[in-house]
N, C-alpha and C. Protein backbone atom coordinates (compact mmCIF):
# COMPACT_ATOMS: atom_id res chain seq x y z
N UNK A 1 13.11 40.76 31.18
CA UNK A 1 14.11 39.96 30.52
C UNK A 1 13.76 38.48 30.74
N UNK A 2 13.87 37.71 29.68
CA UNK A 2 13.59 36.28 29.76
C UNK A 2 14.88 35.50 29.90
N UNK A 3 14.80 34.44 30.64
CA UNK A 3 15.94 33.56 30.78
C UNK A 3 16.09 32.68 29.55
N UNK A 4 17.19 31.97 29.45
CA UNK A 4 17.38 31.08 28.30
C UNK A 4 16.37 29.95 28.30
N UNK A 5 15.98 29.54 27.11
CA UNK A 5 15.06 28.43 26.96
C UNK A 5 15.77 27.12 27.23
N UNK A 6 15.17 26.31 28.05
CA UNK A 6 15.75 25.01 28.35
C UNK A 6 15.23 24.02 27.30
N UNK A 7 16.14 23.40 26.63
CA UNK A 7 15.77 22.42 25.60
C UNK A 7 15.50 21.08 26.26
N UNK A 8 14.35 20.51 25.94
CA UNK A 8 14.03 19.18 26.43
C UNK A 8 14.60 18.15 25.47
N UNK A 9 15.05 17.05 26.00
CA UNK A 9 15.59 15.99 25.16
C UNK A 9 14.46 15.37 24.34
N UNK A 10 14.77 15.07 23.08
CA UNK A 10 13.79 14.40 22.23
C UNK A 10 13.68 12.94 22.65
N UNK A 11 12.49 12.35 22.48
CA UNK A 11 12.38 10.93 22.80
C UNK A 11 13.21 10.10 21.83
N UNK A 12 13.68 8.97 22.28
CA UNK A 12 14.48 8.11 21.42
C UNK A 12 13.67 7.58 20.25
N UNK A 13 14.36 7.23 19.20
CA UNK A 13 13.72 6.67 18.02
C UNK A 13 13.92 5.16 18.05
N UNK A 14 12.89 4.44 17.71
CA UNK A 14 12.98 2.99 17.61
C UNK A 14 13.45 2.67 16.20
N UNK A 15 14.47 1.87 16.07
CA UNK A 15 14.96 1.49 14.76
C UNK A 15 13.83 0.82 13.98
N UNK A 16 13.70 1.18 12.71
CA UNK A 16 12.61 0.66 11.89
C UNK A 16 12.63 -0.87 11.83
N UNK A 17 13.81 -1.46 11.72
CA UNK A 17 13.91 -2.92 11.66
C UNK A 17 13.48 -3.56 12.98
N UNK A 18 13.84 -2.95 14.10
CA UNK A 18 13.44 -3.48 15.41
C UNK A 18 11.92 -3.42 15.58
N UNK A 19 11.33 -2.30 15.17
CA UNK A 19 9.88 -2.15 15.29
C UNK A 19 9.16 -3.14 14.38
N UNK A 20 9.65 -3.28 13.15
CA UNK A 20 9.03 -4.23 12.22
C UNK A 20 9.11 -5.65 12.77
N UNK A 21 10.25 -6.03 13.31
CA UNK A 21 10.41 -7.37 13.88
C UNK A 21 9.44 -7.57 15.04
N UNK A 22 9.27 -6.57 15.87
CA UNK A 22 8.35 -6.67 17.01
C UNK A 22 6.91 -6.78 16.51
N UNK A 23 6.56 -6.01 15.50
CA UNK A 23 5.19 -6.05 14.97
C UNK A 23 4.88 -7.37 14.28
N UNK A 24 5.90 -8.06 13.83
CA UNK A 24 5.70 -9.36 13.18
C UNK A 24 5.49 -10.49 14.20
N UNK A 25 5.76 -10.22 15.48
CA UNK A 25 5.60 -11.23 16.52
C UNK A 25 4.12 -11.43 16.85
N UNK A 26 3.79 -12.64 17.23
CA UNK A 26 2.43 -12.88 17.70
C UNK A 26 2.46 -12.91 19.22
N UNK A 27 1.31 -12.72 19.79
CA UNK A 27 1.22 -12.71 21.25
C UNK A 27 -0.10 -13.30 21.68
N UNK A 28 -0.24 -13.45 22.98
CA UNK A 28 -1.49 -13.99 23.48
C UNK A 28 -2.07 -13.04 24.52
N UNK A 29 -3.23 -13.34 24.95
CA UNK A 29 -3.92 -12.50 25.92
C UNK A 29 -4.99 -11.67 25.23
N UNK A 30 -6.00 -11.32 26.00
CA UNK A 30 -7.14 -10.59 25.45
C UNK A 30 -6.75 -9.20 24.95
N UNK A 31 -5.74 -8.60 25.56
CA UNK A 31 -5.40 -7.23 25.18
C UNK A 31 -4.38 -7.14 24.05
N UNK A 32 -3.75 -8.24 23.66
CA UNK A 32 -2.70 -8.18 22.65
C UNK A 32 -3.21 -7.61 21.32
N UNK A 33 -4.34 -8.06 20.77
CA UNK A 33 -4.80 -7.50 19.49
C UNK A 33 -5.10 -5.99 19.59
N UNK A 34 -5.68 -5.58 20.71
CA UNK A 34 -5.96 -4.15 20.91
C UNK A 34 -4.66 -3.36 20.97
N UNK A 35 -3.71 -3.84 21.77
CA UNK A 35 -2.46 -3.11 21.94
C UNK A 35 -1.64 -3.07 20.65
N UNK A 36 -1.69 -4.16 19.91
CA UNK A 36 -0.97 -4.16 18.61
C UNK A 36 -1.62 -3.16 17.66
N UNK A 37 -2.95 -3.07 17.67
CA UNK A 37 -3.64 -2.08 16.82
C UNK A 37 -3.26 -0.67 17.24
N UNK A 38 -3.12 -0.44 18.54
CA UNK A 38 -2.71 0.88 19.04
C UNK A 38 -1.31 1.22 18.54
N UNK A 39 -0.38 0.27 18.67
CA UNK A 39 1.00 0.50 18.21
C UNK A 39 1.01 0.82 16.72
N UNK A 40 0.34 -0.01 15.94
CA UNK A 40 0.30 0.20 14.49
C UNK A 40 -0.30 1.55 14.14
N UNK A 41 -1.38 1.92 14.80
CA UNK A 41 -2.05 3.19 14.50
C UNK A 41 -1.17 4.37 14.89
N UNK A 42 -0.56 4.33 16.07
CA UNK A 42 0.32 5.42 16.48
C UNK A 42 1.50 5.58 15.53
N UNK A 43 2.11 4.46 15.15
CA UNK A 43 3.29 4.51 14.28
C UNK A 43 2.92 4.87 12.84
N UNK A 44 1.79 4.41 12.38
CA UNK A 44 1.38 4.66 11.00
C UNK A 44 0.93 6.09 10.76
N UNK A 45 0.39 6.73 11.79
CA UNK A 45 -0.22 8.05 11.61
C UNK A 45 0.50 9.18 12.34
N UNK A 46 1.30 8.86 13.35
CA UNK A 46 1.94 9.91 14.13
C UNK A 46 0.99 10.62 15.08
N UNK A 47 -0.11 9.96 15.46
CA UNK A 47 -1.07 10.57 16.36
C UNK A 47 -0.46 10.87 17.72
N UNK A 48 -0.97 11.91 18.37
CA UNK A 48 -0.64 12.19 19.76
C UNK A 48 -1.47 11.26 20.64
N UNK A 49 -1.03 11.07 21.87
CA UNK A 49 -1.77 10.24 22.81
C UNK A 49 -3.20 10.75 22.99
N UNK A 50 -3.36 12.05 23.15
CA UNK A 50 -4.70 12.63 23.36
C UNK A 50 -5.60 12.39 22.15
N UNK A 51 -5.03 12.44 20.96
CA UNK A 51 -5.81 12.21 19.74
C UNK A 51 -6.28 10.76 19.65
N UNK A 52 -5.39 9.84 19.99
CA UNK A 52 -5.75 8.42 19.98
C UNK A 52 -6.79 8.13 21.05
N UNK A 53 -6.59 8.68 22.24
CA UNK A 53 -7.50 8.47 23.35
C UNK A 53 -8.91 8.93 23.02
N UNK A 54 -9.04 10.01 22.26
CA UNK A 54 -10.35 10.59 21.96
C UNK A 54 -11.09 9.89 20.82
N UNK A 55 -10.44 8.97 20.11
CA UNK A 55 -11.07 8.33 18.96
C UNK A 55 -12.27 7.48 19.35
N UNK A 56 -13.31 7.59 18.56
CA UNK A 56 -14.48 6.72 18.70
C UNK A 56 -14.47 5.71 17.57
N UNK A 57 -15.08 4.56 17.79
CA UNK A 57 -15.10 3.50 16.79
C UNK A 57 -15.76 3.96 15.49
N UNK A 58 -16.78 4.80 15.58
CA UNK A 58 -17.48 5.27 14.39
C UNK A 58 -16.60 6.13 13.50
N UNK A 59 -15.52 6.70 14.06
CA UNK A 59 -14.62 7.55 13.27
C UNK A 59 -13.63 6.73 12.45
N UNK A 60 -13.56 5.44 12.71
CA UNK A 60 -12.60 4.58 12.02
C UNK A 60 -13.33 3.35 11.45
N UNK A 61 -14.27 3.57 10.52
CA UNK A 61 -15.01 2.42 10.00
C UNK A 61 -14.08 1.43 9.29
N UNK A 62 -14.48 0.20 9.27
CA UNK A 62 -13.67 -0.84 8.61
C UNK A 62 -13.33 -0.43 7.19
N UNK A 63 -12.06 -0.62 6.85
CA UNK A 63 -11.59 -0.35 5.50
C UNK A 63 -11.22 1.10 5.22
N UNK A 64 -11.61 2.06 6.06
CA UNK A 64 -11.29 3.47 5.81
C UNK A 64 -9.78 3.66 5.86
N UNK A 65 -9.23 4.37 4.90
CA UNK A 65 -7.78 4.57 4.82
C UNK A 65 -7.33 5.94 5.32
N UNK A 66 -8.29 6.78 5.65
CA UNK A 66 -7.91 8.07 6.22
C UNK A 66 -8.73 8.34 7.46
N UNK A 67 -8.17 9.18 8.31
CA UNK A 67 -8.77 9.45 9.60
C UNK A 67 -8.70 10.95 9.85
N UNK A 68 -9.81 11.53 10.24
CA UNK A 68 -9.87 12.96 10.58
C UNK A 68 -9.73 13.06 12.10
N UNK A 69 -8.70 13.79 12.54
CA UNK A 69 -8.46 13.94 13.97
C UNK A 69 -8.43 15.41 14.36
N UNK A 70 -8.81 15.66 15.58
CA UNK A 70 -8.76 17.01 16.13
C UNK A 70 -7.57 17.05 17.08
N UNK A 71 -6.61 17.91 16.75
CA UNK A 71 -5.38 17.99 17.52
C UNK A 71 -5.37 19.15 18.48
N UNK A 72 -4.18 19.60 18.82
CA UNK A 72 -4.00 20.71 19.75
C UNK A 72 -4.69 21.96 19.22
N UNK A 73 -5.29 22.69 20.09
CA UNK A 73 -5.96 23.93 19.70
C UNK A 73 -7.20 23.70 18.88
N UNK A 74 -7.73 22.47 18.87
CA UNK A 74 -8.94 22.16 18.12
C UNK A 74 -8.74 22.11 16.62
N UNK A 75 -7.46 22.13 16.17
CA UNK A 75 -7.20 22.08 14.74
C UNK A 75 -7.43 20.68 14.22
N UNK A 76 -8.09 20.60 13.09
CA UNK A 76 -8.42 19.31 12.49
C UNK A 76 -7.43 19.01 11.37
N UNK A 77 -7.04 17.75 11.26
CA UNK A 77 -6.19 17.33 10.15
C UNK A 77 -6.59 15.91 9.74
N UNK A 78 -6.20 15.55 8.54
CA UNK A 78 -6.48 14.21 8.03
C UNK A 78 -5.16 13.46 7.97
N UNK A 79 -5.16 12.25 8.51
CA UNK A 79 -3.98 11.39 8.46
C UNK A 79 -4.34 10.11 7.71
N UNK A 80 -3.37 9.57 7.03
CA UNK A 80 -3.56 8.34 6.28
C UNK A 80 -3.22 7.14 7.17
N UNK A 81 -4.00 6.09 7.05
CA UNK A 81 -3.77 4.86 7.82
C UNK A 81 -3.08 3.86 6.89
N UNK A 82 -1.91 3.39 7.30
CA UNK A 82 -1.16 2.41 6.51
C UNK A 82 -1.89 1.08 6.44
N UNK A 83 -1.51 0.26 5.47
CA UNK A 83 -2.22 -1.01 5.25
C UNK A 83 -2.11 -1.96 6.44
N UNK A 84 -0.93 -2.05 7.06
CA UNK A 84 -0.78 -2.93 8.23
C UNK A 84 -1.62 -2.41 9.40
N UNK A 85 -1.58 -1.10 9.62
CA UNK A 85 -2.38 -0.51 10.69
C UNK A 85 -3.86 -0.75 10.43
N UNK A 86 -4.27 -0.62 9.18
CA UNK A 86 -5.67 -0.84 8.82
C UNK A 86 -6.07 -2.29 9.11
N UNK A 87 -5.20 -3.23 8.77
CA UNK A 87 -5.48 -4.65 9.02
C UNK A 87 -5.60 -4.93 10.53
N UNK A 88 -4.69 -4.36 11.33
CA UNK A 88 -4.73 -4.58 12.78
C UNK A 88 -5.95 -3.89 13.39
N UNK A 89 -6.34 -2.72 12.88
CA UNK A 89 -7.56 -2.05 13.35
C UNK A 89 -8.79 -2.90 13.04
N UNK A 90 -8.83 -3.46 11.85
CA UNK A 90 -9.96 -4.31 11.48
C UNK A 90 -10.02 -5.55 12.37
N UNK A 91 -8.84 -6.12 12.69
CA UNK A 91 -8.79 -7.26 13.61
C UNK A 91 -9.38 -6.85 14.97
N UNK A 92 -8.98 -5.67 15.46
CA UNK A 92 -9.48 -5.20 16.76
C UNK A 92 -10.98 -4.91 16.68
N UNK A 93 -11.43 -4.27 15.60
CA UNK A 93 -12.85 -3.95 15.48
C UNK A 93 -13.72 -5.21 15.50
N UNK A 94 -13.19 -6.31 14.96
CA UNK A 94 -13.93 -7.57 14.97
C UNK A 94 -14.09 -8.11 16.40
N UNK A 95 -13.14 -7.77 17.29
CA UNK A 95 -13.18 -8.24 18.67
C UNK A 95 -13.78 -7.22 19.64
N UNK A 96 -13.80 -5.96 19.26
CA UNK A 96 -14.18 -4.86 20.15
C UNK A 96 -15.54 -5.07 20.81
N UNK A 97 -16.52 -5.54 20.05
CA UNK A 97 -17.88 -5.70 20.57
C UNK A 97 -17.92 -6.66 21.76
N UNK A 98 -17.01 -7.62 21.79
CA UNK A 98 -16.95 -8.57 22.90
C UNK A 98 -16.44 -7.92 24.18
N UNK A 99 -15.74 -6.79 24.05
CA UNK A 99 -15.10 -6.14 25.19
C UNK A 99 -15.78 -4.86 25.64
N UNK A 100 -16.47 -4.19 24.74
CA UNK A 100 -17.06 -2.88 25.05
C UNK A 100 -18.41 -3.02 25.74
N UNK A 101 -18.65 -2.14 26.69
CA UNK A 101 -19.97 -2.06 27.32
C UNK A 101 -20.98 -1.62 26.27
N UNK A 102 -22.24 -1.99 26.44
CA UNK A 102 -23.26 -1.51 25.51
C UNK A 102 -23.30 0.03 25.54
N UNK A 103 -23.30 0.62 24.36
CA UNK A 103 -23.36 2.07 24.24
C UNK A 103 -22.01 2.77 24.31
N UNK A 104 -20.93 2.04 24.58
CA UNK A 104 -19.60 2.66 24.64
C UNK A 104 -19.16 3.03 23.22
N UNK A 105 -18.72 4.26 23.04
CA UNK A 105 -18.35 4.75 21.71
C UNK A 105 -16.86 4.67 21.44
N UNK A 106 -16.04 4.52 22.46
CA UNK A 106 -14.58 4.56 22.31
C UNK A 106 -14.08 3.47 21.38
N UNK A 107 -13.06 3.82 20.60
CA UNK A 107 -12.42 2.83 19.73
C UNK A 107 -11.68 1.79 20.57
N UNK A 108 -10.94 2.25 21.56
CA UNK A 108 -10.16 1.33 22.39
C UNK A 108 -10.74 1.31 23.80
N UNK A 109 -11.10 0.09 24.24
CA UNK A 109 -11.71 -0.07 25.57
C UNK A 109 -10.83 -0.97 26.43
N UNK A 110 -10.97 -0.79 27.74
CA UNK A 110 -10.21 -1.57 28.70
C UNK A 110 -10.98 -2.80 29.15
N UNK A 111 -10.46 -3.43 30.19
CA UNK A 111 -11.03 -4.68 30.71
C UNK A 111 -12.47 -4.52 31.20
N UNK A 112 -12.82 -3.32 31.65
CA UNK A 112 -14.18 -3.08 32.15
C UNK A 112 -15.14 -2.60 31.07
N UNK A 113 -14.66 -2.53 29.84
CA UNK A 113 -15.53 -2.18 28.73
C UNK A 113 -15.70 -0.70 28.47
N UNK A 114 -15.01 0.14 29.23
CA UNK A 114 -15.10 1.59 29.05
C UNK A 114 -13.86 2.08 28.30
N UNK A 115 -13.93 3.34 27.89
CA UNK A 115 -12.81 3.95 27.17
C UNK A 115 -11.51 3.71 27.92
N UNK A 116 -10.51 3.25 27.21
CA UNK A 116 -9.20 3.01 27.78
C UNK A 116 -8.60 4.36 28.16
N UNK A 117 -8.12 4.48 29.39
CA UNK A 117 -7.53 5.74 29.85
C UNK A 117 -6.17 5.95 29.19
N UNK A 118 -5.66 7.16 29.30
CA UNK A 118 -4.33 7.44 28.75
C UNK A 118 -3.28 6.58 29.44
N UNK A 119 -3.41 6.42 30.75
CA UNK A 119 -2.50 5.55 31.49
C UNK A 119 -2.65 4.10 31.05
N UNK A 120 -3.87 3.69 30.76
CA UNK A 120 -4.12 2.34 30.26
C UNK A 120 -3.48 2.10 28.90
N UNK A 121 -3.49 3.14 28.07
CA UNK A 121 -2.82 3.04 26.77
C UNK A 121 -1.32 2.85 26.98
N UNK A 122 -0.74 3.65 27.87
CA UNK A 122 0.70 3.54 28.15
C UNK A 122 1.05 2.16 28.70
N UNK A 123 0.23 1.64 29.62
CA UNK A 123 0.48 0.31 30.18
C UNK A 123 0.35 -0.77 29.11
N UNK A 124 -0.63 -0.61 28.24
CA UNK A 124 -0.81 -1.56 27.14
C UNK A 124 0.40 -1.59 26.22
N UNK A 125 0.98 -0.42 25.96
CA UNK A 125 2.17 -0.36 25.12
C UNK A 125 3.35 -1.09 25.78
N UNK A 126 3.50 -0.89 27.08
CA UNK A 126 4.58 -1.58 27.81
C UNK A 126 4.40 -3.09 27.75
N UNK A 127 3.17 -3.53 27.97
CA UNK A 127 2.87 -4.95 27.95
C UNK A 127 3.11 -5.54 26.56
N UNK A 128 2.65 -4.83 25.55
CA UNK A 128 2.84 -5.30 24.17
C UNK A 128 4.33 -5.39 23.84
N UNK A 129 5.10 -4.37 24.22
CA UNK A 129 6.54 -4.36 23.92
C UNK A 129 7.25 -5.55 24.57
N UNK A 130 6.87 -5.87 25.82
CA UNK A 130 7.46 -7.03 26.50
C UNK A 130 7.15 -8.31 25.74
N UNK A 131 5.88 -8.49 25.38
CA UNK A 131 5.48 -9.73 24.68
C UNK A 131 6.13 -9.82 23.30
N UNK A 132 6.29 -8.70 22.63
CA UNK A 132 6.84 -8.70 21.27
C UNK A 132 8.36 -8.70 21.26
N UNK A 133 8.97 -8.59 22.43
CA UNK A 133 10.43 -8.63 22.51
C UNK A 133 11.12 -7.34 22.11
N UNK A 134 10.42 -6.22 22.18
CA UNK A 134 11.00 -4.93 21.82
C UNK A 134 11.77 -4.39 23.01
N UNK A 135 13.02 -4.05 22.79
CA UNK A 135 13.88 -3.54 23.86
C UNK A 135 13.61 -2.05 24.10
N UNK A 136 13.83 -1.60 25.31
CA UNK A 136 13.67 -0.19 25.66
C UNK A 136 12.23 0.14 26.00
N UNK A 137 12.03 1.34 26.52
CA UNK A 137 10.69 1.78 26.91
C UNK A 137 9.90 2.18 25.67
N UNK A 138 8.66 1.79 25.64
CA UNK A 138 7.78 2.15 24.54
C UNK A 138 6.66 3.02 25.09
N UNK A 139 6.52 4.22 24.55
CA UNK A 139 5.45 5.11 24.94
C UNK A 139 4.94 5.82 23.70
N UNK A 140 3.74 6.38 23.75
CA UNK A 140 3.13 6.96 22.55
C UNK A 140 3.99 8.02 21.86
N UNK A 141 4.65 8.87 22.62
CA UNK A 141 5.43 9.93 21.97
C UNK A 141 6.67 9.37 21.29
N UNK A 142 7.19 8.26 21.79
CA UNK A 142 8.33 7.63 21.12
C UNK A 142 7.91 7.07 19.77
N UNK A 143 6.70 6.53 19.69
CA UNK A 143 6.19 6.05 18.40
C UNK A 143 5.94 7.22 17.45
N UNK A 144 5.42 8.33 17.97
CA UNK A 144 5.19 9.53 17.15
C UNK A 144 6.52 10.07 16.62
N UNK A 145 7.53 10.10 17.47
CA UNK A 145 8.83 10.60 17.06
C UNK A 145 9.48 9.64 16.05
N UNK A 146 9.30 8.35 16.24
CA UNK A 146 9.83 7.37 15.29
C UNK A 146 9.14 7.51 13.93
N UNK A 147 7.82 7.70 13.95
CA UNK A 147 7.07 7.93 12.71
C UNK A 147 7.66 9.12 11.96
N UNK A 148 7.86 10.23 12.65
CA UNK A 148 8.36 11.45 12.01
C UNK A 148 9.78 11.26 11.49
N UNK A 149 10.63 10.65 12.30
CA UNK A 149 12.02 10.46 11.90
C UNK A 149 12.13 9.54 10.70
N UNK A 150 11.43 8.41 10.72
CA UNK A 150 11.51 7.47 9.60
C UNK A 150 10.93 8.08 8.33
N UNK A 151 9.85 8.84 8.46
CA UNK A 151 9.25 9.49 7.30
C UNK A 151 10.19 10.56 6.74
N UNK A 152 10.81 11.33 7.60
CA UNK A 152 11.74 12.36 7.15
C UNK A 152 12.96 11.73 6.48
N UNK A 153 13.46 10.65 7.04
CA UNK A 153 14.61 9.95 6.45
C UNK A 153 14.29 9.43 5.05
N UNK A 154 13.06 8.94 4.86
CA UNK A 154 12.71 8.36 3.56
C UNK A 154 12.28 9.40 2.54
N UNK A 155 11.69 10.51 3.00
CA UNK A 155 11.19 11.50 2.04
C UNK A 155 12.04 12.75 1.95
N UNK A 156 12.63 13.17 3.05
CA UNK A 156 13.40 14.40 3.07
C UNK A 156 12.53 15.65 3.02
N UNK A 157 11.22 15.50 3.15
CA UNK A 157 10.30 16.63 3.04
C UNK A 157 9.84 17.07 4.42
N UNK A 158 10.55 18.02 4.99
CA UNK A 158 10.27 18.49 6.34
C UNK A 158 8.87 19.09 6.45
N UNK A 159 8.48 19.88 5.48
CA UNK A 159 7.16 20.52 5.52
C UNK A 159 6.04 19.48 5.55
N UNK A 160 6.13 18.47 4.72
CA UNK A 160 5.09 17.44 4.69
C UNK A 160 5.01 16.69 6.03
N UNK A 161 6.16 16.38 6.61
CA UNK A 161 6.18 15.68 7.90
C UNK A 161 5.54 16.56 8.97
N UNK A 162 5.87 17.84 8.98
CA UNK A 162 5.29 18.74 9.97
C UNK A 162 3.78 18.84 9.81
N UNK A 163 3.30 18.88 8.58
CA UNK A 163 1.86 18.95 8.36
C UNK A 163 1.16 17.68 8.82
N UNK A 164 1.77 16.53 8.56
CA UNK A 164 1.18 15.27 9.00
C UNK A 164 1.12 15.19 10.53
N UNK A 165 2.08 15.81 11.18
CA UNK A 165 2.11 15.81 12.64
C UNK A 165 1.23 16.90 13.25
N UNK A 166 0.72 17.79 12.41
CA UNK A 166 -0.06 18.91 12.93
C UNK A 166 0.84 20.02 13.43
N UNK A 167 2.06 20.12 12.89
CA UNK A 167 3.03 21.12 13.30
C UNK A 167 3.42 22.04 12.17
N UNK A 168 2.54 22.32 11.24
CA UNK A 168 2.89 23.14 10.07
C UNK A 168 3.42 24.50 10.49
N UNK A 169 2.97 25.03 11.62
CA UNK A 169 3.40 26.34 12.08
C UNK A 169 4.86 26.36 12.56
N UNK A 170 5.47 25.20 12.71
CA UNK A 170 6.83 25.13 13.25
C UNK A 170 7.90 25.26 12.18
N UNK A 171 7.52 25.35 10.92
CA UNK A 171 8.51 25.33 9.86
C UNK A 171 9.53 26.44 10.01
N UNK A 172 9.10 27.64 10.25
CA UNK A 172 10.05 28.75 10.35
C UNK A 172 10.99 28.57 11.54
N UNK A 173 10.47 28.10 12.66
CA UNK A 173 11.34 27.84 13.81
C UNK A 173 12.37 26.78 13.47
N UNK A 174 11.94 25.73 12.76
CA UNK A 174 12.85 24.64 12.43
C UNK A 174 13.95 25.10 11.49
N UNK A 175 13.62 25.99 10.58
CA UNK A 175 14.63 26.47 9.64
C UNK A 175 15.72 27.25 10.35
N UNK A 176 15.42 27.80 11.51
CA UNK A 176 16.41 28.57 12.25
C UNK A 176 17.10 27.73 13.32
N UNK A 177 16.74 26.46 13.40
CA UNK A 177 17.38 25.59 14.39
C UNK A 177 18.80 25.29 13.94
N UNK A 178 19.74 25.16 14.88
CA UNK A 178 21.12 24.86 14.51
C UNK A 178 21.18 23.55 13.74
N UNK A 179 22.01 23.54 12.70
CA UNK A 179 22.20 22.32 11.92
C UNK A 179 21.23 22.14 10.79
N UNK A 180 20.20 22.99 10.66
CA UNK A 180 19.25 22.84 9.57
C UNK A 180 19.42 23.90 8.49
N UNK A 181 20.47 24.72 8.60
CA UNK A 181 20.64 25.79 7.61
C UNK A 181 20.85 25.20 6.21
N UNK A 182 21.53 24.08 6.13
CA UNK A 182 21.82 23.49 4.83
C UNK A 182 21.07 22.18 4.67
N UNK A 183 19.80 22.20 4.99
CA UNK A 183 19.01 20.96 4.97
C UNK A 183 18.77 20.45 3.57
N UNK A 184 18.87 21.29 2.58
CA UNK A 184 18.75 20.82 1.20
C UNK A 184 17.38 21.07 0.62
N UNK A 185 17.09 20.47 -0.54
CA UNK A 185 15.85 20.72 -1.26
C UNK A 185 14.63 20.27 -0.47
N UNK A 186 13.53 20.94 -0.71
CA UNK A 186 12.28 20.58 -0.07
C UNK A 186 12.04 21.29 1.25
N UNK A 187 13.02 22.06 1.71
CA UNK A 187 12.84 22.76 2.98
C UNK A 187 12.50 24.19 2.72
């Protein structure tokens, strides 16, 4: 016999207007352009932390509007990069060579020129949020959840959002979740 499933609380959603205002802020410091590119990329694509961490610069050539990522279970999906995220990535790519060690393949590198660790990504997000005046804790999964929530609010297409997140298999579970019985068209 199995015990009841404990539901974990969902991460908070950042209001779209608050995030836009923060992204419009300028900042200083060597890591600000990198961290802003990370925020834009996470929010624009809904990437998981592990997916972002694994990205190499060659996978995101300048001007490319789509990105092929390998998610959980080795499943591959294509995500679209928004125009602002693309612009911030291009800004970072122009500076990356000054920061990366020779031969380093990672898209995002730390102060020592090596691949930025997952903890380094989280710290960069905190630092960026402070400089940009964004209230509350900022972490990669909160940006992923905000991406999904804002996209669902604007489109109403649960299946498309799940596919973009790499969660297409969750559709049947979601349809049986309390409160989604009358979700309306597109479900």
